[in-house]
């Protein structure tokens, strides 16, 4: 990979970065991951073509919330369909299978009609509701919907998806106007503050940059920079971002912040963004476990609050580290990404493997939601990040 090679900015798939789809014919394991391109391709296909179809609810055409192996329970379709659409778009890019794109549209259309505020009288039109506390509109989900809708717009050329993305982008503008609010309460008509909520500023930056690229409207870039300045203002002295209630680090609020800072440095050449990205990445390197994972939640004093791992966050952080490695050439970021992906691969239930419930057809090729297993559930949003991680691994290393 040439040092002068410029990557495009994108979230969903390696092809959004402008990377070609790598060959997966080789059965020779890589030097640091002990898995071959052919084996990674087998795992991706197993998940998307064998496990994922078993998670479809035939009544709605949407994905179940999760499958619980001990009793075979399937949670009715819910917010999982937001992120599941990303996996289908990424694998569509890879396999050129129109059926995958159709499933992506059905999943995100289900999500839109169930969870996105669309009434023209609402001041938070375009905001996306939480799946549990349905009276709350979350900035996190709203930004993710922008990214998904723009992903479908680019792949289908259907203007309806662009209109939906812009609608949710306008919610992000209102959230920024109200102190970069993490949520809005429908029951009280009031914006939440940063002391009580998930400050998802990294996702907002990515969504606004994506809107700027899709529309050519510079005001979206300006909004991305406003969100980013907020992010810079709250980075802790140790380099971390404590984004839950301004008190806690969580692995679900890490990859997007690191990626957003890297994107902004590439876009603006502003060294502040690179410096902040390096500090946050180095914090992760200092806290990475020998098995490649990170504990889910730490407080500002460095205490581990929840040692459980959210496995899907590991490949997502790895993807962000790939991007930082591309920008800096620092091998330590590549090493940390590969170690995180080693943990990711260990979470997949392989037929005939030594994972528990490996003989359960509804679990085979899926990924556990927790490490340790906790409730033995598997869900499509988890599989999204794991399969994306494998795809970025294949295509990034091939380009390199």
Protein backbone atom coordinates (compact mmCIF):
# COMPACT_ATOMS: atom_id res chain seq x y z
CA UNK A 1 0.00 0.00 0.00
CA UNK A 2 1.58 3.25 -1.09
CA UNK A 3 2.07 5.90 1.56
CA UNK A 4 0.41 8.36 -0.84
CA UNK A 5 -2.66 6.18 -1.32
CA UNK A 6 -5.71 8.09 -0.16
CA UNK A 7 -8.57 6.18 1.40
CA UNK A 8 -12.12 7.39 1.03
CA UNK A 9 -14.11 8.02 4.19
CA UNK A 10 -16.75 5.47 5.04
CA UNK A 11 -17.99 3.19 7.77
CA UNK A 12 -19.87 0.19 6.50
CA UNK A 13 -17.51 -1.81 4.30
CA UNK A 14 -13.87 -1.88 3.11
CA UNK A 15 -15.16 -0.82 -0.29
CA UNK A 16 -16.38 2.42 1.32
CA UNK A 17 -12.68 3.10 1.91
CA UNK A 18 -11.99 2.43 -1.76
CA UNK A 19 -10.32 -0.92 -1.07
CA UNK A 20 -10.68 -3.68 -3.67
CA UNK A 21 -12.12 -7.02 -2.59
CA UNK A 22 -9.16 -9.24 -1.73
CA UNK A 23 -8.63 -12.71 -3.13
CA UNK A 24 -9.51 -15.43 -0.65
CA UNK A 25 -8.14 -18.45 -2.49
CA UNK A 26 -5.05 -18.84 -0.30
CA UNK A 27 -5.24 -21.51 2.39
CA UNK A 28 -1.98 -20.34 3.98
CA UNK A 29 -2.51 -18.77 7.43
CA UNK A 30 -1.38 -15.20 7.95
CA UNK A 31 1.78 -14.64 9.98
CA UNK A 32 0.13 -13.17 13.07
CA UNK A 33 -3.44 -14.42 13.06
CA UNK A 34 -3.08 -18.13 12.26
CA UNK A 35 -6.05 -18.03 9.90
CA UNK A 36 -6.01 -18.11 6.11
CA UNK A 37 -7.94 -15.87 3.69
CA UNK A 38 -9.90 -18.94 2.58
CA UNK A 39 -10.89 -19.70 6.19
CA UNK A 40 -11.99 -16.10 6.78
CA UNK A 41 -14.10 -16.26 3.63
CA UNK A 42 -15.65 -19.54 4.86
CA UNK A 43 -16.53 -17.94 8.19
CA UNK A 44 -18.07 -14.85 6.57
CA UNK A 45 -20.16 -16.94 4.19
CA UNK A 46 -21.22 -19.29 6.97
CA UNK A 47 -22.52 -16.38 9.00
CA UNK A 48 -24.29 -14.49 6.23
CA UNK A 49 -25.67 -17.43 4.24
CA UNK A 50 -26.36 -20.00 6.95
CA UNK A 51 -26.73 -18.33 10.37
CA UNK A 52 -28.30 -14.99 9.41
CA UNK A 53 -31.25 -16.41 7.39
CA UNK A 54 -32.26 -18.43 10.46
CA UNK A 55 -32.64 -15.16 12.37
CA UNK A 56 -35.31 -13.81 10.00
CA UNK A 57 -38.85 -13.48 11.27
CA UNK A 58 -41.03 -14.66 8.36
CA UNK A 59 -43.95 -12.50 9.47
CA UNK A 60 -42.15 -9.15 9.36
CA UNK A 61 -39.18 -9.93 7.12
CA UNK A 62 -36.99 -8.40 9.85
CA UNK A 63 -34.40 -9.98 12.11
CA UNK A 64 -35.16 -11.32 15.56
CA UNK A 65 -33.61 -9.38 18.43
CA UNK A 66 -31.54 -12.39 19.49
CA UNK A 67 -31.49 -16.17 19.67
CA UNK A 68 -31.00 -17.71 23.14
CA UNK A 69 -29.42 -21.13 22.86
CA UNK A 70 -30.42 -22.83 26.16
CA UNK A 71 -34.17 -22.60 25.55
CA UNK A 72 -34.35 -21.69 21.84
CA UNK A 73 -36.09 -18.37 22.57
CA UNK A 74 -36.15 -15.75 19.81
CA UNK A 75 -36.78 -12.15 20.81
CA UNK A 76 -39.22 -10.41 18.46
CA UNK A 77 -37.66 -8.07 15.86
CA UNK A 78 -36.34 -4.83 17.35
CA UNK A 79 -33.49 -2.30 17.01
CA UNK A 80 -31.00 -4.98 15.95
CA UNK A 81 -32.22 -4.34 12.40
CA UNK A 82 -30.45 -0.98 12.34
CA UNK A 83 -26.92 -2.40 12.50
CA UNK A 84 -27.81 -5.70 10.80
CA UNK A 85 -28.41 -3.74 7.60
CA UNK A 86 -24.72 -2.75 7.60
CA UNK A 87 -23.58 -6.38 7.45
CA UNK A 88 -25.86 -7.03 4.50
CA UNK A 89 -24.54 -3.98 2.65
CA UNK A 90 -20.94 -4.95 3.34
CA UNK A 91 -21.45 -8.50 2.12
CA UNK A 92 -23.37 -7.21 -0.90
CA UNK A 93 -20.25 -5.20 -1.78
CA UNK A 94 -18.20 -8.34 -1.41
CA UNK A 95 -20.33 -11.00 -3.08
CA UNK A 96 -22.40 -8.84 -5.48
CA UNK A 97 -25.53 -10.66 -4.34
CA UNK A 98 -28.66 -8.55 -4.92
CA UNK A 99 -30.64 -10.57 -2.38
CA UNK A 100 -28.36 -9.31 0.39
CA UNK A 101 -29.10 -5.72 -0.61
CA UNK A 102 -32.82 -6.45 -0.63
CA UNK A 103 -32.58 -7.85 2.90
CA UNK A 104 -30.64 -4.73 3.98
CA UNK A 105 -33.43 -2.51 2.69
CA UNK A 106 -36.11 -4.56 4.45
CA UNK A 107 -34.20 -4.49 7.74
CA UNK A 108 -33.61 -0.74 7.74
CA UNK A 109 -37.12 0.00 6.45
CA UNK A 110 -38.52 -2.02 9.36
CA UNK A 111 -36.33 -0.03 11.74
CA UNK A 112 -37.40 3.28 10.22
CA UNK A 113 -41.11 2.60 10.52
CA UNK A 114 -40.83 1.20 14.06
CA UNK A 115 -38.33 3.55 15.70
CA UNK A 116 -37.72 6.79 13.77
CA UNK A 117 -39.92 9.82 14.49
CA UNK A 118 -41.45 10.97 11.22
CA UNK A 119 -44.38 13.19 12.17
CA UNK A 120 -43.95 16.66 10.62
CA UNK A 121 -45.09 18.40 13.81
CA UNK A 122 -42.29 16.92 15.91
CA UNK A 123 -39.25 19.07 16.70
CA UNK A 124 -37.21 15.86 16.86
CA UNK A 125 -38.35 14.48 13.53
CA UNK A 126 -35.70 12.06 12.29
CA UNK A 127 -34.67 11.10 15.80
CA UNK A 128 -34.45 7.38 16.56
CA UNK A 129 -36.08 5.87 19.64
CA UNK A 130 -34.42 3.54 22.08
CA UNK A 131 -35.80 0.01 21.86
CA UNK A 132 -36.40 -0.32 25.61
CA UNK A 133 -37.03 3.21 26.87
CA UNK A 134 -39.21 4.09 23.88
CA UNK A 135 -39.95 7.57 25.28
CA UNK A 136 -36.30 8.46 24.67
CA UNK A 137 -34.81 9.59 21.36
CA UNK A 138 -31.10 8.73 21.23
CA UNK A 139 -28.48 10.67 19.33
CA UNK A 140 -26.46 7.45 19.01
CA UNK A 141 -29.16 5.59 17.09
CA UNK A 142 -30.07 8.64 15.03
CA UNK A 143 -26.49 8.99 13.77
CA UNK A 144 -26.30 5.27 13.02
CA UNK A 145 -29.51 5.54 11.02
CA UNK A 146 -27.97 8.35 8.93
CA UNK A 147 -25.00 6.12 8.11
CA UNK A 148 -27.21 3.16 7.21
CA UNK A 149 -29.62 5.22 5.11
CA UNK A 150 -26.77 6.82 3.18
CA UNK A 151 -25.26 3.39 2.66
CA UNK A 152 -28.48 2.28 1.01
CA UNK A 153 -28.79 5.50 -0.99
CA UNK A 154 -25.35 4.95 -2.51
CA UNK A 155 -26.08 1.33 -3.33
CA UNK A 156 -29.67 1.71 -4.63
CA UNK A 157 -29.79 5.32 -5.92
CA UNK A 158 -33.18 5.64 -4.23
CA UNK A 159 -33.69 9.25 -3.15
CA UNK A 160 -36.01 8.19 -0.33
CA UNK A 161 -33.00 6.94 1.62
CA UNK A 162 -31.18 10.26 1.18
CA UNK A 163 -34.26 12.13 2.36
CA UNK A 164 -34.49 9.93 5.46
CA UNK A 165 -30.79 10.45 6.16
CA UNK A 166 -31.11 14.24 5.90
CA UNK A 167 -34.16 14.13 8.16
CA UNK A 168 -32.17 12.36 10.87
CA UNK A 169 -29.24 14.70 10.22
CA UNK A 170 -31.49 17.61 11.14
CA UNK A 171 -32.10 15.90 14.47
CA UNK A 172 -28.31 15.85 15.01
CA UNK A 173 -28.28 19.59 14.41
CA UNK A 174 -30.92 20.12 17.09
CA UNK A 175 -29.03 17.89 19.52
CA UNK A 176 -25.89 19.99 18.93
CA UNK A 177 -27.89 23.18 19.57
CA UNK A 178 -28.97 21.77 22.93
CA UNK A 179 -25.56 21.15 24.42
CA UNK A 180 -24.73 18.11 22.25
CA UNK A 181 -27.55 16.31 23.97
CA UNK A 182 -27.32 12.51 24.10
CA UNK A 183 -31.10 12.14 24.04
CA UNK A 184 -34.50 13.79 24.03
CA UNK A 185 -37.41 12.68 26.21
CA UNK A 186 -40.73 12.46 24.40
CA UNK A 187 -42.67 12.20 27.67
CA UNK A 188 -41.41 15.54 29.02
CA UNK A 189 -40.44 17.32 25.81
CA UNK A 190 -37.00 18.08 27.21
CA UNK A 191 -33.45 17.47 26.01
CA UNK A 192 -31.19 15.40 28.22
CA UNK A 193 -27.81 16.62 29.39
CA UNK A 194 -24.41 14.99 29.32
CA UNK A 195 -24.62 13.95 32.97
CA UNK A 196 -27.21 11.33 32.13
CA UNK A 197 -26.78 9.60 28.80
CA UNK A 198 -24.46 8.24 26.14
CA UNK A 199 -22.46 11.04 24.55
CA UNK A 200 -22.15 9.59 21.05
CA UNK A 201 -20.30 12.50 19.47
CA UNK A 202 -18.10 10.23 17.33
CA UNK A 203 -21.10 8.73 15.57
CA UNK A 204 -22.51 12.22 15.01
CA UNK A 205 -19.24 13.33 13.39
CA UNK A 206 -19.22 10.30 11.09
CA UNK A 207 -22.88 10.82 10.14
CA UNK A 208 -22.39 14.50 9.34
CA UNK A 209 -19.25 13.85 7.29
CA UNK A 210 -21.17 11.18 5.41
CA UNK A 211 -23.98 13.66 4.72
CA UNK A 212 -21.46 16.24 3.48
CA UNK A 213 -19.99 13.71 1.07
CA UNK A 214 -23.40 12.54 -0.18
CA UNK A 215 -24.93 15.99 -0.68
CA UNK A 216 -21.99 18.32 -1.33
CA UNK A 217 -23.48 20.63 1.31
CA UNK A 218 -20.62 22.14 3.35
CA UNK A 219 -22.94 22.91 6.28
CA UNK A 220 -22.86 19.22 7.21
CA UNK A 221 -19.07 19.36 7.44
CA UNK A 222 -19.41 22.44 9.64
CA UNK A 223 -21.77 20.51 11.90
CA UNK A 224 -19.31 17.61 12.05
CA UNK A 225 -16.62 20.04 13.20
CA UNK A 226 -18.92 21.43 15.91
CA UNK A 227 -19.48 17.94 17.27
CA UNK A 228 -15.74 17.28 17.03
CA UNK A 229 -14.83 20.43 18.97
CA UNK A 230 -17.17 19.21 21.67
CA UNK A 231 -15.33 15.89 21.65
CA UNK A 232 -11.93 17.53 21.97
CA UNK A 233 -13.17 19.59 24.90
CA UNK A 234 -14.06 16.54 27.00
CA UNK A 235 -11.07 14.26 26.41
CA UNK A 236 -9.66 13.27 29.80
CA UNK A 237 -6.08 13.84 30.87
CA UNK A 238 -5.33 10.13 30.48
CA UNK A 239 -6.40 10.29 26.81
CA UNK A 240 -9.67 8.42 27.30
CA UNK A 241 -13.23 9.54 26.65
CA UNK A 242 -15.66 8.84 29.49
CA UNK A 243 -18.89 9.15 27.56
CA UNK A 244 -21.53 7.50 29.73
CA UNK A 245 -22.81 10.10 32.21
CA UNK A 246 -19.37 11.79 31.85
CA UNK A 247 -18.12 9.14 34.26
CA UNK A 248 -17.61 5.85 32.43
CA UNK A 249 -15.68 4.52 29.45
CA UNK A 250 -17.53 1.88 27.45
CA UNK A 251 -16.25 -0.11 24.48
CA UNK A 252 -19.43 0.75 22.56
CA UNK A 253 -18.34 4.40 22.63
CA UNK A 254 -14.79 3.99 21.38
CA UNK A 255 -14.42 2.89 17.76
CA UNK A 256 -16.49 5.71 16.29
CA UNK A 257 -14.70 8.36 18.33
CA UNK A 258 -11.27 7.09 17.28
CA UNK A 259 -12.34 6.77 13.66
CA UNK A 260 -13.96 10.23 13.65
CA UNK A 261 -10.80 11.88 14.95
CA UNK A 262 -8.71 10.11 12.32
CA UNK A 263 -11.11 11.07 9.54
CA UNK A 264 -11.05 14.71 10.66
CA UNK A 265 -7.26 14.80 10.67
CA UNK A 266 -7.22 13.40 7.13
CA UNK A 267 -9.82 15.97 6.08
CA UNK A 268 -8.42 19.08 7.77
CA UNK A 269 -4.72 18.42 8.54
CA UNK A 270 -5.51 19.80 11.99
CA UNK A 271 -2.93 18.22 14.30
CA UNK A 272 -5.28 18.50 17.26
CA UNK A 273 -7.41 15.71 15.85
CA UNK A 274 -4.41 13.46 15.24
CA UNK A 275 -3.03 14.15 18.72
CA UNK A 276 -6.39 13.29 20.30
CA UNK A 277 -6.67 10.12 18.21
CA UNK A 278 -3.18 8.99 19.22
CA UNK A 279 -3.87 9.61 22.89
CA UNK A 280 -7.12 7.63 22.76
CA UNK A 281 -5.54 4.80 20.78
CA UNK A 282 -2.57 4.59 23.15
CA UNK A 283 -4.98 4.44 26.10
CA UNK A 284 -6.53 1.40 24.44
CA UNK A 285 -3.16 -0.22 23.87
CA UNK A 286 -2.31 0.26 27.56
CA UNK A 287 -5.59 -1.39 28.63
CA UNK A 288 -5.79 -4.22 26.10
CA UNK A 289 -5.88 -7.68 27.65
CA UNK A 290 -3.50 -10.44 26.52
CA UNK A 291 -6.40 -12.14 24.72
CA UNK A 292 -6.99 -8.98 22.64
CA UNK A 293 -10.16 -7.79 24.36
CA UNK A 294 -11.01 -4.78 26.49
CA UNK A 295 -13.18 -4.79 29.59
CA UNK A 296 -16.51 -3.25 28.74
CA UNK A 297 -16.69 -0.46 31.32
CA UNK A 298 -14.15 1.51 33.38
CA UNK A 299 -14.64 4.59 35.53
CA UNK A 300 -12.60 7.79 35.50
CA UNK A 301 -10.35 6.47 38.26
CA UNK A 302 -9.35 3.47 36.18
CA UNK A 303 -11.45 0.96 38.09
CA UNK A 304 -12.98 -1.85 36.07
CA UNK A 305 -16.73 -1.53 36.54
CA UNK A 306 -17.78 -4.36 34.22
CA UNK A 307 -15.08 -6.91 33.29
CA UNK A 308 -17.43 -8.65 30.84
CA UNK A 309 -16.47 -8.18 27.20
CA UNK A 310 -18.89 -6.99 24.52
CA UNK A 311 -17.27 -9.08 21.77
CA UNK A 312 -18.70 -7.13 18.81
CA UNK A 313 -16.92 -3.99 19.98
CA UNK A 314 -13.51 -5.66 19.53
CA UNK A 315 -13.56 -5.85 15.70
CA UNK A 316 -15.13 -2.41 15.52
CA UNK A 317 -12.21 -0.94 17.49
CA UNK A 318 -9.83 -2.98 15.32
CA UNK A 319 -11.26 -1.35 12.17
CA UNK A 320 -10.63 2.09 13.69
CA UNK A 321 -7.07 1.05 14.54
CA UNK A 322 -6.53 -0.07 10.92
CA UNK A 323 -7.42 3.43 9.79
CA UNK A 324 -5.04 5.01 12.30
CA UNK A 325 -2.31 2.62 11.20
CA UNK A 326 -2.90 3.69 7.60
CA UNK A 327 -2.48 7.35 8.56
CA UNK A 328 0.51 6.98 10.90
CA UNK A 329 2.31 3.83 9.75
CA UNK A 330 2.78 2.93 13.42
CA UNK A 331 2.91 -0.87 13.65
CA UNK A 332 1.69 -0.92 17.25
CA UNK A 333 -1.79 0.00 16.02
CA UNK A 334 -1.80 -2.82 13.50
CA UNK A 335 -0.60 -5.25 16.17
CA UNK A 336 -3.39 -4.19 18.55
CA UNK A 337 -6.00 -4.50 15.78
CA UNK A 338 -4.88 -8.02 14.91
CA UNK A 339 -4.92 -9.04 18.56
CA UNK A 340 -8.47 -7.70 18.93
CA UNK A 341 -9.54 -9.66 15.85
CA UNK A 342 -8.04 -12.82 17.32
CA UNK A 343 -10.51 -12.42 20.20
CA UNK A 344 -13.31 -11.73 17.73
CA UNK A 345 -12.67 -14.96 15.84
CA UNK A 346 -12.75 -16.93 19.10
CA UNK A 347 -16.37 -15.86 19.64
CA UNK A 348 -17.75 -17.60 16.54
CA UNK A 349 -19.59 -20.89 16.96
CA UNK A 350 -18.07 -23.22 14.37
CA UNK A 351 -19.78 -26.47 13.37
CA UNK A 352 -17.88 -29.33 14.95
CA UNK A 353 -15.89 -26.92 17.09
CA UNK A 354 -15.36 -26.94 20.85
CA UNK A 355 -17.72 -24.01 21.57
CA UNK A 356 -20.75 -24.83 23.65
CA UNK A 357 -23.92 -25.39 21.58
CA UNK A 358 -21.77 -26.09 18.52
CA UNK A 359 -24.29 -28.76 17.54
CA UNK A 360 -27.19 -26.27 17.55
CA UNK A 361 -27.98 -25.29 13.94
CA UNK A 362 -29.40 -21.97 15.13
CA UNK A 363 -26.12 -21.12 16.86
CA UNK A 364 -23.66 -22.42 14.26
CA UNK A 365 -21.69 -19.62 12.51
CA UNK A 366 -23.11 -17.03 14.91
CA UNK A 367 -21.17 -15.03 17.51
CA UNK A 368 -21.76 -14.94 21.25
CA UNK A 369 -23.10 -11.66 22.62
CA UNK A 370 -20.97 -11.74 25.78
CA UNK A 371 -17.67 -13.05 27.06
CA UNK A 372 -18.18 -14.84 29.45
CA UNK A 373 -21.37 -16.09 27.82
CA UNK A 374 -23.81 -14.72 30.45
CA UNK A 375 -27.16 -15.53 28.77
CA UNK A 376 -25.88 -17.53 25.77
CA UNK A 377 -27.47 -15.22 23.21
CA UNK A 378 -26.42 -14.49 19.64
CA UNK A 379 -27.67 -11.50 17.63
CA UNK A 380 -27.38 -9.98 14.18
CA UNK A 381 -25.88 -6.71 15.40
CA UNK A 382 -23.02 -8.67 16.98
CA UNK A 383 -22.43 -10.66 13.81
CA UNK A 384 -22.34 -7.42 11.82
CA UNK A 385 -19.23 -6.11 13.51
CA UNK A 386 -17.47 -9.47 13.51
CA UNK A 387 -18.01 -10.10 9.80
CA UNK A 388 -17.10 -6.51 8.96
CA UNK A 389 -13.92 -7.00 10.98
CA UNK A 390 -12.99 -10.03 8.90
CA UNK A 391 -13.70 -8.19 5.67
CA UNK A 392 -11.62 -5.16 6.66
CA UNK A 393 -8.85 -7.51 7.78
CA UNK A 394 -8.78 -9.26 4.40
CA UNK A 395 -8.94 -6.16 2.24
CA UNK A 396 -6.76 -3.86 4.32
CA UNK A 397 -3.90 -6.34 4.65
CA UNK A 398 -4.13 -7.23 0.95
CA UNK A 399 -3.84 -3.55 0.03
CA UNK A 400 -0.99 -3.10 2.48
